[in-house]
Amino acid sequence: MPGEQPREQRPLKIVLAEDGVLLREGLVGLLTRFGHEVAAAVGDADALRTAVAAHDPDIVVTDVRMPPGFGDEGLRAAVELRTARPALPVLVLSQYVQRSYAADLLDSGDGGGVGYLLKDRVGHVEQFLDAVVTVAGGGTVVDPEVVRQLLRRRRDPLAALTPREREVLGLVAEGRSNGSIARELVVSEAAVGKHIGNILGKLDLPPAEDTHRRVLAVLAYLRG
């Protein structure tokens, strides 16, 4: 996340699916440079399914739009993979928010080990790498724009939140720690904790003991 170093973890075995050759090769180079193994780098959804079966990766990183239809083939393949193997971590990259399949992806498995990022985030190297490691470790990472799109379906209950609480809610849904949120907003961690307590109370969500459960609680609300 912004201002934080990528989390330390063992090298990951990754299957990457991206139809754009330049971006695909760039991601392979980036992931390899930081010690990860790209077991397969493919350009369509069918090849993605085949590669996952062949390599049993630690995480799948896939684009949404891929051949043959250049629609949502990659995202649908990700949902299928998670349906067949709920524990398979999947990080989806997209140029836009596809709300229906985004919700299906976030609902797959137990809600952990899943991420949905807009491609703009890939340019923020540390944030992208941290998202890969977080999702591979069973965490949940959601792009703020995805949060905003899902929030549109639940506008009225959010009326009770202050502008600052809405801002904090978006950062919570990204999987940010209290310390990271405090640095982003230039406030104390105690103030962040108070905001989060207020948010959970106003949205009638159960208190969460750790960041991952907190994200899942927020996502359950957004999908409701």
C-alpha atoms as a PDB file:
ATOM      1  CA  MET A   1       0.000   0.000   0.000  1.00  0.00           C
ATOM      2  CA  PRO A   2       1.172   3.587  -0.412  1.00  0.00           C
ATOM      3  CA  GLY A   3       4.160   4.382   1.765  1.00  0.00           C
ATOM      4  CA  GLU A   4       4.687   0.749   2.738  1.00  0.00           C
ATOM      5  CA  GLN A   5       7.221  -1.800   1.476  1.00  0.00           C
ATOM      6  CA  PRO A   6       5.967  -5.007  -0.162  1.00  0.00           C
ATOM      7  CA  ARG A   7       5.370  -7.654   2.455  1.00  0.00           C
ATOM      8  CA  GLU A   8       8.077 -10.253   2.946  1.00  0.00           C
ATOM      9  CA  GLN A   9       7.053 -13.762   1.955  1.00  0.00           C
ATOM     10  CA  ARG A  10       8.457 -16.863   0.312  1.00  0.00           C
ATOM     11  CA  PRO A  11       8.703 -16.751  -3.491  1.00  0.00           C
ATOM     12  CA  LEU A  12       5.334 -17.443  -5.095  1.00  0.00           C
ATOM     13  CA  LYS A  13       4.537 -19.663  -8.074  1.00  0.00           C
ATOM     14  CA  ILE A  14       2.262 -17.559 -10.279  1.00  0.00           C
ATOM     15  CA  VAL A  15       0.118 -18.204 -13.341  1.00  0.00           C
ATOM     16  CA  LEU A  16      -0.378 -14.939 -15.240  1.00  0.00           C
ATOM     17  CA  ALA A  17      -3.051 -14.305 -17.879  1.00  0.00           C
ATOM     18  CA  GLU A  18      -2.912 -11.078 -19.911  1.00  0.00           C
ATOM     19  CA  ASP A  19      -3.607 -10.747 -23.639  1.00  0.00           C
ATOM     20  CA  GLY A  20      -1.486  -7.606 -24.093  1.00  0.00           C
ATOM     21  CA  VAL A  21       2.020  -8.826 -24.923  1.00  0.00           C
ATOM     22  CA  LEU A  22       3.852  -5.756 -23.633  1.00  0.00           C
ATOM     23  CA  LEU A  23       1.995  -5.662 -20.320  1.00  0.00           C
ATOM     24  CA  ARG A  24       2.288  -9.436 -19.925  1.00  0.00           C
ATOM     25  CA  GLU A  25       6.044  -9.378 -20.441  1.00  0.00           C
ATOM     26  CA  GLY A  26       6.345  -6.356 -18.172  1.00  0.00           C
ATOM     27  CA  LEU A  27       4.484  -8.133 -15.375  1.00  0.00           C
ATOM     28  CA  VAL A  28       6.600 -11.265 -15.831  1.00  0.00           C
ATOM     29  CA  GLY A  29       9.747  -9.162 -15.523  1.00  0.00           C
ATOM     30  CA  LEU A  30       8.455  -7.300 -12.480  1.00  0.00           C
ATOM     31  CA  LEU A  31       7.322 -10.409 -10.611  1.00  0.00           C
ATOM     32  CA  THR A  32      10.527 -12.267 -11.453  1.00  0.00           C
ATOM     33  CA  ARG A  33      12.688  -9.346 -10.365  1.00  0.00           C
ATOM     34  CA  PHE A  34      11.094  -9.508  -6.931  1.00  0.00           C
ATOM     35  CA  GLY A  35      11.830 -13.213  -6.558  1.00  0.00           C
ATOM     36  CA  HIS A  36       8.606 -14.844  -7.717  1.00  0.00           C
ATOM     37  CA  GLU A  37       8.302 -17.629 -10.299  1.00  0.00           C
ATOM     38  CA  VAL A  38       5.931 -17.093 -13.215  1.00  0.00           C
ATOM     39  CA  ALA A  39       5.162 -20.721 -14.061  1.00  0.00           C
ATOM     40  CA  ALA A  40       3.061 -19.719 -17.084  1.00  0.00           C
ATOM     41  CA  ALA A  41       2.196 -16.470 -18.832  1.00  0.00           C
ATOM     42  CA  VAL A  42      -0.735 -16.897 -21.209  1.00  0.00           C
ATOM     43  CA  GLY A  43      -2.973 -14.733 -23.368  1.00  0.00           C
ATOM     44  CA  ASP A  44      -6.468 -16.244 -23.253  1.00  0.00           C
ATOM     45  CA  ALA A  45      -8.938 -17.797 -20.828  1.00  0.00           C
ATOM     46  CA  ASP A  46      -8.649 -21.362 -22.134  1.00  0.00           C
ATOM     47  CA  ALA A  47      -4.877 -21.284 -21.769  1.00  0.00           C
ATOM     48  CA  LEU A  48      -5.367 -19.912 -18.244  1.00  0.00           C
ATOM     49  CA  ARG A  49      -7.493 -22.898 -17.233  1.00  0.00           C
ATOM     50  CA  THR A  50      -4.956 -25.297 -18.748  1.00  0.00           C
ATOM     51  CA  ALA A  51      -2.022 -23.587 -17.026  1.00  0.00           C
ATOM     52  CA  VAL A  52      -3.691 -23.676 -13.621  1.00  0.00           C
ATOM     53  CA  ALA A  53      -4.377 -27.409 -13.981  1.00  0.00           C
ATOM     54  CA  ALA A  54      -0.787 -28.028 -15.075  1.00  0.00           C
ATOM     55  CA  HIS A  55       1.100 -25.908 -12.561  1.00  0.00           C
ATOM     56  CA  ASP A  56      -1.030 -25.765  -9.378  1.00  0.00           C
ATOM     57  CA  PRO A  57       0.048 -22.149  -8.682  1.00  0.00           C
ATOM     58  CA  ASP A  58       0.117 -20.267  -5.393  1.00  0.00           C
ATOM     59  CA  ILE A  59      -1.872 -17.479  -7.064  1.00  0.00           C
ATOM     60  CA  VAL A  60      -3.493 -16.593 -10.380  1.00  0.00           C
ATOM     61  CA  VAL A  61      -3.149 -13.042 -11.698  1.00  0.00           C
ATOM     62  CA  THR A  62      -5.510 -12.444 -14.618  1.00  0.00           C
ATOM     63  CA  ASP A  63      -6.873  -9.707 -16.833  1.00  0.00           C
ATOM     64  CA  VAL A  64     -10.642  -9.376 -17.281  1.00  0.00           C
ATOM     65  CA  ARG A  65     -10.796  -8.877 -21.063  1.00  0.00           C
ATOM     66  CA  MET A  66      -9.201 -11.624 -23.155  1.00  0.00           C
ATOM     67  CA  PRO A  67      -9.737 -13.481 -26.437  1.00  0.00           C
ATOM     68  CA  PRO A  68     -11.765 -14.649 -28.155  1.00  0.00           C
ATOM     69  CA  GLY A  69     -14.531 -12.171 -27.338  1.00  0.00           C
ATOM     70  CA  PHE A  70     -12.507  -9.511 -25.495  1.00  0.00           C
ATOM     71  CA  GLY A  71     -15.384  -9.219 -23.036  1.00  0.00           C
ATOM     72  CA  ASP A  72     -15.155 -10.607 -19.525  1.00  0.00           C
ATOM     73  CA  GLU A  73     -13.629 -14.005 -20.379  1.00  0.00           C
ATOM     74  CA  GLY A  74     -10.783 -13.645 -17.891  1.00  0.00           C
ATOM     75  CA  LEU A  75     -13.059 -12.673 -15.015  1.00  0.00           C
ATOM     76  CA  ARG A  76     -15.498 -15.492 -15.796  1.00  0.00           C
ATOM     77  CA  ALA A  77     -12.573 -17.935 -15.901  1.00  0.00           C
ATOM     78  CA  ALA A  78     -11.420 -16.626 -12.502  1.00  0.00           C
ATOM     79  CA  VAL A  79     -14.884 -17.213 -11.027  1.00  0.00           C
ATOM     80  CA  GLU A  80     -14.942 -20.742 -12.508  1.00  0.00           C
ATOM     81  CA  LEU A  81     -11.499 -21.523 -11.099  1.00  0.00           C
ATOM     82  CA  ARG A  82     -12.526 -20.292  -7.659  1.00  0.00           C
ATOM     83  CA  THR A  83     -15.759 -22.298  -7.828  1.00  0.00           C
ATOM     84  CA  ALA A  84     -13.818 -25.466  -8.619  1.00  0.00           C
ATOM     85  CA  ARG A  85     -10.998 -24.674  -6.173  1.00  0.00           C
ATOM     86  CA  PRO A  86     -12.280 -22.262  -3.500  1.00  0.00           C
ATOM     87  CA  ALA A  87      -8.855 -22.027  -1.837  1.00  0.00           C
ATOM     88  CA  LEU A  88      -7.098 -20.876  -5.047  1.00  0.00           C
ATOM     89  CA  PRO A  89      -5.972 -17.256  -4.596  1.00  0.00           C
ATOM     90  CA  VAL A  90      -6.969 -15.068  -7.551  1.00  0.00           C
ATOM     91  CA  LEU A  91      -6.065 -11.442  -8.263  1.00  0.00           C
ATOM     92  CA  VAL A  92      -8.021  -9.867 -11.130  1.00  0.00           C
ATOM     93  CA  LEU A  93      -6.740  -6.834 -13.023  1.00  0.00           C
ATOM     94  CA  SER A  94      -9.131  -4.708 -15.044  1.00  0.00           C
ATOM     95  CA  GLN A  95      -9.399  -1.435 -16.913  1.00  0.00           C
ATOM     96  CA  TYR A  96     -12.945  -1.016 -15.581  1.00  0.00           C
ATOM     97  CA  VAL A  97     -15.329  -2.379 -12.963  1.00  0.00           C
ATOM     98  CA  GLN A  98     -17.578  -5.249 -14.077  1.00  0.00           C
ATOM     99  CA  ARG A  99     -19.966  -5.212 -11.132  1.00  0.00           C
ATOM    100  CA  SER A 100     -21.834  -8.488 -11.594  1.00  0.00           C
ATOM    101  CA  TYR A 101     -18.802 -10.723 -11.944  1.00  0.00           C
ATOM    102  CA  ALA A 102     -16.839  -8.649  -9.427  1.00  0.00           C
ATOM    103  CA  ALA A 103     -19.478  -9.520  -6.832  1.00  0.00           C
ATOM    104  CA  ASP A 104     -19.370 -13.191  -7.914  1.00  0.00           C
ATOM    105  CA  LEU A 105     -15.596 -13.222  -7.549  1.00  0.00           C
ATOM    106  CA  LEU A 106     -15.713 -11.646  -4.090  1.00  0.00           C
ATOM    107  CA  ASP A 107     -18.393 -14.153  -3.065  1.00  0.00           C
ATOM    108  CA  SER A 108     -16.345 -17.166  -4.199  1.00  0.00           C
ATOM    109  CA  GLY A 109     -14.736 -19.471  -1.669  1.00  0.00           C
ATOM    110  CA  ASP A 110     -14.856 -18.016   1.829  1.00  0.00           C
ATOM    111  CA  GLY A 111     -14.162 -14.492   0.559  1.00  0.00           C
ATOM    112  CA  GLY A 112     -10.451 -14.765   1.302  1.00  0.00           C
ATOM    113  CA  GLY A 113      -7.578 -15.072  -1.139  1.00  0.00           C
ATOM    114  CA  VAL A 114      -9.195 -12.784  -3.675  1.00  0.00           C
ATOM    115  CA  GLY A 115      -8.459  -9.377  -5.138  1.00  0.00           C
ATOM    116  CA  TYR A 116      -9.830  -6.983  -7.757  1.00  0.00           C
ATOM    117  CA  LEU A 117      -7.596  -4.116  -8.861  1.00  0.00           C
ATOM    118  CA  LEU A 118      -7.819  -1.614 -11.686  1.00  0.00           C
ATOM    119  CA  LYS A 119      -4.799  -1.693 -13.977  1.00  0.00           C
ATOM    120  CA  ASP A 120      -3.810   1.816 -12.960  1.00  0.00           C
ATOM    121  CA  ARG A 121      -2.659   0.247  -9.688  1.00  0.00           C
ATOM    122  CA  VAL A 122      -0.021  -1.839 -11.496  1.00  0.00           C
ATOM    123  CA  GLY A 123       1.925   1.377 -12.027  1.00  0.00           C
ATOM    124  CA  HIS A 124       2.251   1.641  -8.253  1.00  0.00           C
ATOM    125  CA  VAL A 125       4.793  -1.173  -8.008  1.00  0.00           C
ATOM    126  CA  GLU A 126       4.892  -1.572  -4.240  1.00  0.00           C
ATOM    127  CA  GLN A 127       1.109  -1.497  -3.977  1.00  0.00           C
ATOM    128  CA  PHE A 128       0.706  -4.097  -6.735  1.00  0.00           C
ATOM    129  CA  LEU A 129       3.338  -6.429  -5.276  1.00  0.00           C
ATOM    130  CA  ASP A 130       1.854  -6.076  -1.814  1.00  0.00           C
ATOM    131  CA  ALA A 131      -1.577  -6.972  -3.240  1.00  0.00           C
ATOM    132  CA  VAL A 132      -0.150 -10.123  -4.868  1.00  0.00           C
ATOM    133  CA  VAL A 133       1.411 -11.251  -1.585  1.00  0.00           C
ATOM    134  CA  THR A 134      -1.689 -10.341   0.442  1.00  0.00           C
ATOM    135  CA  VAL A 135      -4.056 -12.287  -1.802  1.00  0.00           C
ATOM    136  CA  ALA A 136      -1.688 -15.283  -2.018  1.00  0.00           C
ATOM    137  CA  GLY A 137      -1.648 -15.328   1.775  1.00  0.00           C
ATOM    138  CA  GLY A 138      -5.442 -15.552   1.978  1.00  0.00           C
ATOM    139  CA  GLY A 139      -6.161 -11.836   2.323  1.00  0.00           C
ATOM    140  CA  THR A 140      -8.618  -9.695   0.390  1.00  0.00           C
ATOM    141  CA  VAL A 141      -7.721  -6.598  -1.638  1.00  0.00           C
ATOM    142  CA  VAL A 142     -10.327  -4.461  -3.396  1.00  0.00           C
ATOM    143  CA  ASP A 143      -9.691  -1.397  -5.526  1.00  0.00           C
ATOM    144  CA  PRO A 144     -11.338   1.795  -4.183  1.00  0.00           C
ATOM    145  CA  GLU A 145     -13.224   2.232  -7.465  1.00  0.00           C
ATOM    146  CA  VAL A 146     -14.766  -1.224  -7.062  1.00  0.00           C
ATOM    147  CA  VAL A 147     -15.853  -0.166  -3.581  1.00  0.00           C
ATOM    148  CA  ARG A 148     -17.417   3.005  -4.972  1.00  0.00           C
ATOM    149  CA  GLN A 149     -19.316   1.057  -7.644  1.00  0.00           C
ATOM    150  CA  LEU A 150     -20.669  -1.427  -5.102  1.00  0.00           C
ATOM    151  CA  LEU A 151     -21.563   1.357  -2.680  1.00  0.00           C
ATOM    152  CA  ARG A 152     -23.949   2.824  -5.241  1.00  0.00           C
ATOM    153  CA  ARG A 153     -26.283  -0.079  -4.566  1.00  0.00           C
ATOM    154  CA  ARG A 154     -26.339   0.715  -0.843  1.00  0.00           C
ATOM    155  CA  ARG A 155     -26.538   4.501  -0.872  1.00  0.00           C
ATOM    156  CA  ASP A 156     -29.172   5.136   1.804  1.00  0.00           C
ATOM    157  CA  PRO A 157     -27.577   3.285   4.749  1.00  0.00           C
ATOM    158  CA  LEU A 158     -24.379   5.232   4.146  1.00  0.00           C
ATOM    159  CA  ALA A 159     -26.135   8.507   4.811  1.00  0.00           C
ATOM    160  CA  ALA A 160     -25.304   8.070   8.491  1.00  0.00           C
ATOM    161  CA  LEU A 161     -21.565   8.126   7.779  1.00  0.00           C
ATOM    162  CA  THR A 162     -19.573  11.335   7.892  1.00  0.00           C
ATOM    163  CA  PRO A 163     -17.353  12.215   4.891  1.00  0.00           C
ATOM    164  CA  ARG A 164     -14.301  11.127   6.898  1.00  0.00           C
ATOM    165  CA  GLU A 165     -15.937   7.817   7.803  1.00  0.00           C
ATOM    166  CA  ARG A 166     -16.722   7.181   4.129  1.00  0.00           C
ATOM    167  CA  GLU A 167     -13.084   7.841   3.334  1.00  0.00           C
ATOM    168  CA  VAL A 168     -11.958   5.431   6.038  1.00  0.00           C
ATOM    169  CA  LEU A 169     -14.478   2.824   4.826  1.00  0.00           C
ATOM    170  CA  GLY A 170     -12.924   2.865   1.364  1.00  0.00           C
ATOM    171  CA  LEU A 171      -9.447   2.364   2.816  1.00  0.00           C
ATOM    172  CA  VAL A 172     -10.648  -0.460   5.065  1.00  0.00           C
ATOM    173  CA  ALA A 173     -12.095  -2.264   2.048  1.00  0.00           C
ATOM    174  CA  GLU A 174      -8.674  -2.051   0.391  1.00  0.00           C
ATOM    175  CA  GLY A 175      -7.318  -4.158   3.231  1.00  0.00           C
ATOM    176  CA  ARG A 176      -5.330  -1.304   4.742  1.00  0.00           C
ATOM    177  CA  SER A 177      -4.066  -1.559   8.321  1.00  0.00           C
ATOM    178  CA  ASN A 178      -4.908   1.098  10.912  1.00  0.00           C
ATOM    179  CA  GLY A 179      -1.338   2.355  10.694  1.00  0.00           C
ATOM    180  CA  SER A 180      -1.492   2.661   6.906  1.00  0.00           C
ATOM    181  CA  ILE A 181      -4.833   4.491   7.072  1.00  0.00           C
ATOM    182  CA  ALA A 182      -3.456   6.832   9.733  1.00  0.00           C
ATOM    183  CA  ARG A 183      -0.468   7.722   7.546  1.00  0.00           C
ATOM    184  CA  GLU A 184      -2.691   8.226   4.492  1.00  0.00           C
ATOM    185  CA  LEU A 185      -5.056  10.588   6.334  1.00  0.00           C
ATOM    186  CA  VAL A 186      -2.390  12.152   8.571  1.00  0.00           C
ATOM    187  CA  VAL A 187      -4.207  11.283  11.784  1.00  0.00           C
ATOM    188  CA  SER A 188      -3.440   9.095  14.802  1.00  0.00           C
ATOM    189  CA  GLU A 189      -4.078   5.347  14.849  1.00  0.00           C
ATOM    190  CA  ALA A 190      -6.397   5.935  17.799  1.00  0.00           C
ATOM    191  CA  ALA A 191      -8.502   8.263  15.642  1.00  0.00           C
ATOM    192  CA  VAL A 192      -8.634   5.632  12.893  1.00  0.00           C
ATOM    193  CA  GLY A 193      -9.727   2.994  15.387  1.00  0.00           C
ATOM    194  CA  LYS A 194     -12.501   5.265  16.614  1.00  0.00           C
ATOM    195  CA  HIS A 195     -13.692   5.937  13.049  1.00  0.00           C
ATOM    196  CA  ILE A 196     -13.746   2.215  12.269  1.00  0.00           C
ATOM    197  CA  GLY A 197     -15.692   1.463  15.431  1.00  0.00           C
ATOM    198  CA  ASN A 198     -18.219   4.127  14.470  1.00  0.00           C
ATOM    199  CA  ILE A 199     -18.508   2.747  10.925  1.00  0.00           C
ATOM    200  CA  LEU A 200     -19.072  -0.822  12.051  1.00  0.00           C
ATOM    201  CA  GLY A 201     -21.657   0.376  14.549  1.00  0.00           C
ATOM    202  CA  LYS A 202     -23.549   2.558  12.081  1.00  0.00           C
ATOM    203  CA  LEU A 203     -23.610  -0.205   9.459  1.00  0.00           C
ATOM    204  CA  ASP A 204     -24.644  -2.768  12.073  1.00  0.00           C
ATOM    205  CA  LEU A 205     -21.574  -4.927  11.367  1.00  0.00           C
ATOM    206  CA  PRO A 206     -19.968  -7.164  13.995  1.00  0.00           C
ATOM    207  CA  PRO A 207     -16.683  -5.941  15.485  1.00  0.00           C
ATOM    208  CA  ALA A 208     -13.661  -7.554  13.789  1.00  0.00           C
ATOM    209  CA  GLU A 209     -10.506  -8.679  15.545  1.00  0.00           C
ATOM    210  CA  ASP A 210      -8.138  -8.384  12.579  1.00  0.00           C
ATOM    211  CA  THR A 211      -7.794  -6.610   9.238  1.00  0.00           C
ATOM    212  CA  HIS A 212      -8.885  -9.588   7.134  1.00  0.00           C
ATOM    213  CA  ARG A 213     -12.113 -10.185   9.069  1.00  0.00           C
ATOM    214  CA  ARG A 214     -12.772  -6.446   8.988  1.00  0.00           C
ATOM    215  CA  VAL A 215     -12.470  -6.416   5.178  1.00  0.00           C
ATOM    216  CA  LEU A 216     -14.767  -9.422   4.886  1.00  0.00           C
ATOM    217  CA  ALA A 217     -17.347  -7.700   7.081  1.00  0.00           C
ATOM    218  CA  VAL A 218     -17.278  -4.597   4.890  1.00  0.00           C
ATOM    219  CA  LEU A 219     -17.483  -6.649   1.693  1.00  0.00           C
ATOM    220  CA  ALA A 220     -20.420  -8.628   3.060  1.00  0.00           C
ATOM    221  CA  TYR A 221     -22.172  -5.315   3.630  1.00  0.00           C
ATOM    222  CA  LEU A 222     -21.321  -4.024   0.142  1.00  0.00           C
ATOM    223  CA  ARG A 223     -22.663  -7.179  -1.489  1.00  0.00           C
ATOM    224  CA  GLY A 224     -25.838  -7.218   0.574  1.00  0.00           C
END
